[in-house]
N, C-alpha and C. Protein backbone atom coordinates (compact mmCIF):
# COMPACT_ATOMS: atom_id res chain seq x y z
N UNK A 1 125.49 94.85 99.12
CA UNK A 1 124.17 95.27 99.54
C UNK A 1 123.19 94.99 98.40
N UNK A 2 122.02 94.46 98.74
CA UNK A 2 121.02 94.18 97.72
C UNK A 2 120.07 95.35 97.60
N UNK A 3 119.58 95.55 96.41
CA UNK A 3 118.64 96.64 96.15
C UNK A 3 117.21 96.17 96.41
N UNK A 4 116.42 96.98 97.10
CA UNK A 4 115.04 96.65 97.39
C UNK A 4 114.22 96.79 96.11
N UNK A 5 113.49 95.75 95.76
CA UNK A 5 112.67 95.77 94.55
C UNK A 5 111.23 96.08 94.93
N UNK A 6 110.61 96.96 94.13
CA UNK A 6 109.25 97.35 94.40
C UNK A 6 108.49 97.36 93.08
N UNK A 7 107.29 96.83 93.08
CA UNK A 7 106.45 96.82 91.89
C UNK A 7 105.09 97.38 92.28
N UNK A 8 104.54 98.21 91.41
CA UNK A 8 103.22 98.79 91.63
C UNK A 8 102.25 98.20 90.62
N UNK A 9 101.10 97.71 91.11
CA UNK A 9 100.09 97.12 90.24
C UNK A 9 98.71 97.61 90.65
N UNK A 10 97.75 97.49 89.73
CA UNK A 10 96.37 97.89 90.04
C UNK A 10 95.65 96.74 90.75
N UNK A 11 94.57 97.07 91.43
CA UNK A 11 93.77 96.05 92.11
C UNK A 11 93.22 95.05 91.10
N UNK A 12 92.82 95.50 89.93
CA UNK A 12 92.27 94.58 88.93
C UNK A 12 93.35 93.61 88.43
N UNK A 13 94.56 94.10 88.27
CA UNK A 13 95.65 93.22 87.86
C UNK A 13 95.97 92.22 88.97
N UNK A 14 95.93 92.67 90.22
CA UNK A 14 96.19 91.77 91.36
C UNK A 14 95.15 90.66 91.41
N UNK A 15 93.88 91.00 91.18
CA UNK A 15 92.83 89.99 91.20
C UNK A 15 93.11 88.88 90.18
N UNK A 16 93.58 89.24 89.01
CA UNK A 16 93.84 88.27 87.95
C UNK A 16 95.08 87.42 88.23
N UNK A 17 96.08 88.00 88.91
CA UNK A 17 97.37 87.34 89.03
C UNK A 17 97.90 87.24 90.46
N UNK A 18 97.01 87.18 91.45
CA UNK A 18 97.44 87.25 92.85
C UNK A 18 98.45 86.16 93.21
N UNK A 19 98.20 84.93 92.82
CA UNK A 19 99.11 83.85 93.18
C UNK A 19 100.49 84.06 92.56
N UNK A 20 100.51 84.47 91.31
CA UNK A 20 101.78 84.73 90.63
C UNK A 20 102.58 85.83 91.34
N UNK A 21 101.92 86.91 91.73
CA UNK A 21 102.61 88.01 92.40
C UNK A 21 103.11 87.61 93.78
N UNK A 22 102.31 86.87 94.54
CA UNK A 22 102.74 86.43 95.86
C UNK A 22 103.96 85.51 95.78
N UNK A 23 103.98 84.63 94.79
CA UNK A 23 105.13 83.75 94.60
C UNK A 23 106.37 84.55 94.22
N UNK A 24 106.20 85.56 93.38
CA UNK A 24 107.31 86.40 92.95
C UNK A 24 107.90 87.17 94.14
N UNK A 25 107.05 87.78 94.94
CA UNK A 25 107.53 88.54 96.10
C UNK A 25 108.22 87.61 97.09
N UNK A 26 107.65 86.42 97.30
CA UNK A 26 108.23 85.47 98.23
C UNK A 26 109.60 85.00 97.76
N UNK A 27 109.76 84.71 96.47
CA UNK A 27 111.03 84.18 95.97
C UNK A 27 112.09 85.26 95.75
N UNK A 28 111.67 86.43 95.29
CA UNK A 28 112.63 87.47 94.93
C UNK A 28 112.79 88.52 96.02
N UNK A 29 111.87 88.54 96.98
CA UNK A 29 111.90 89.58 98.00
C UNK A 29 111.31 90.87 97.45
N UNK A 30 111.38 91.90 98.21
CA UNK A 30 110.89 93.20 97.76
C UNK A 30 109.48 93.48 98.23
N UNK A 31 108.85 94.43 97.58
CA UNK A 31 107.53 94.90 97.97
C UNK A 31 106.59 94.88 96.79
N UNK A 32 105.31 94.82 97.09
CA UNK A 32 104.26 94.91 96.09
C UNK A 32 103.29 95.98 96.56
N UNK A 33 103.13 97.03 95.78
CA UNK A 33 102.22 98.11 96.13
C UNK A 33 100.98 97.99 95.24
N UNK A 34 99.81 97.94 95.87
CA UNK A 34 98.56 97.81 95.14
C UNK A 34 97.89 99.18 95.06
N UNK A 35 97.45 99.54 93.86
CA UNK A 35 96.81 100.85 93.66
C UNK A 35 95.36 100.69 93.22
N UNK A 36 94.58 101.72 93.51
CA UNK A 36 93.19 101.81 93.07
C UNK A 36 93.06 103.11 92.30
N UNK A 37 92.92 103.01 91.00
CA UNK A 37 92.85 104.16 90.10
C UNK A 37 94.09 105.06 90.26
N UNK A 38 95.24 104.41 90.38
CA UNK A 38 96.51 105.13 90.44
C UNK A 38 96.93 105.61 91.82
N UNK A 39 96.06 105.44 92.82
CA UNK A 39 96.39 105.85 94.18
C UNK A 39 96.62 104.63 95.05
N UNK A 40 97.55 104.71 95.97
CA UNK A 40 97.85 103.59 96.85
C UNK A 40 96.60 103.14 97.58
N UNK A 41 96.36 101.84 97.58
CA UNK A 41 95.17 101.28 98.21
C UNK A 41 95.52 100.71 99.57
N UNK A 42 94.66 100.92 100.55
CA UNK A 42 94.82 100.30 101.85
C UNK A 42 95.49 101.18 102.79
């Protein structure tokens, strides 16, 4: 069984590195949680 990977990042960090994060999630699987001032966004 594989373990689900989850990473939490801020919206500002996502803006700077969106392509890198999307490629990472696509290749490694898992989830990406985006936060706004420490709270889940969206």
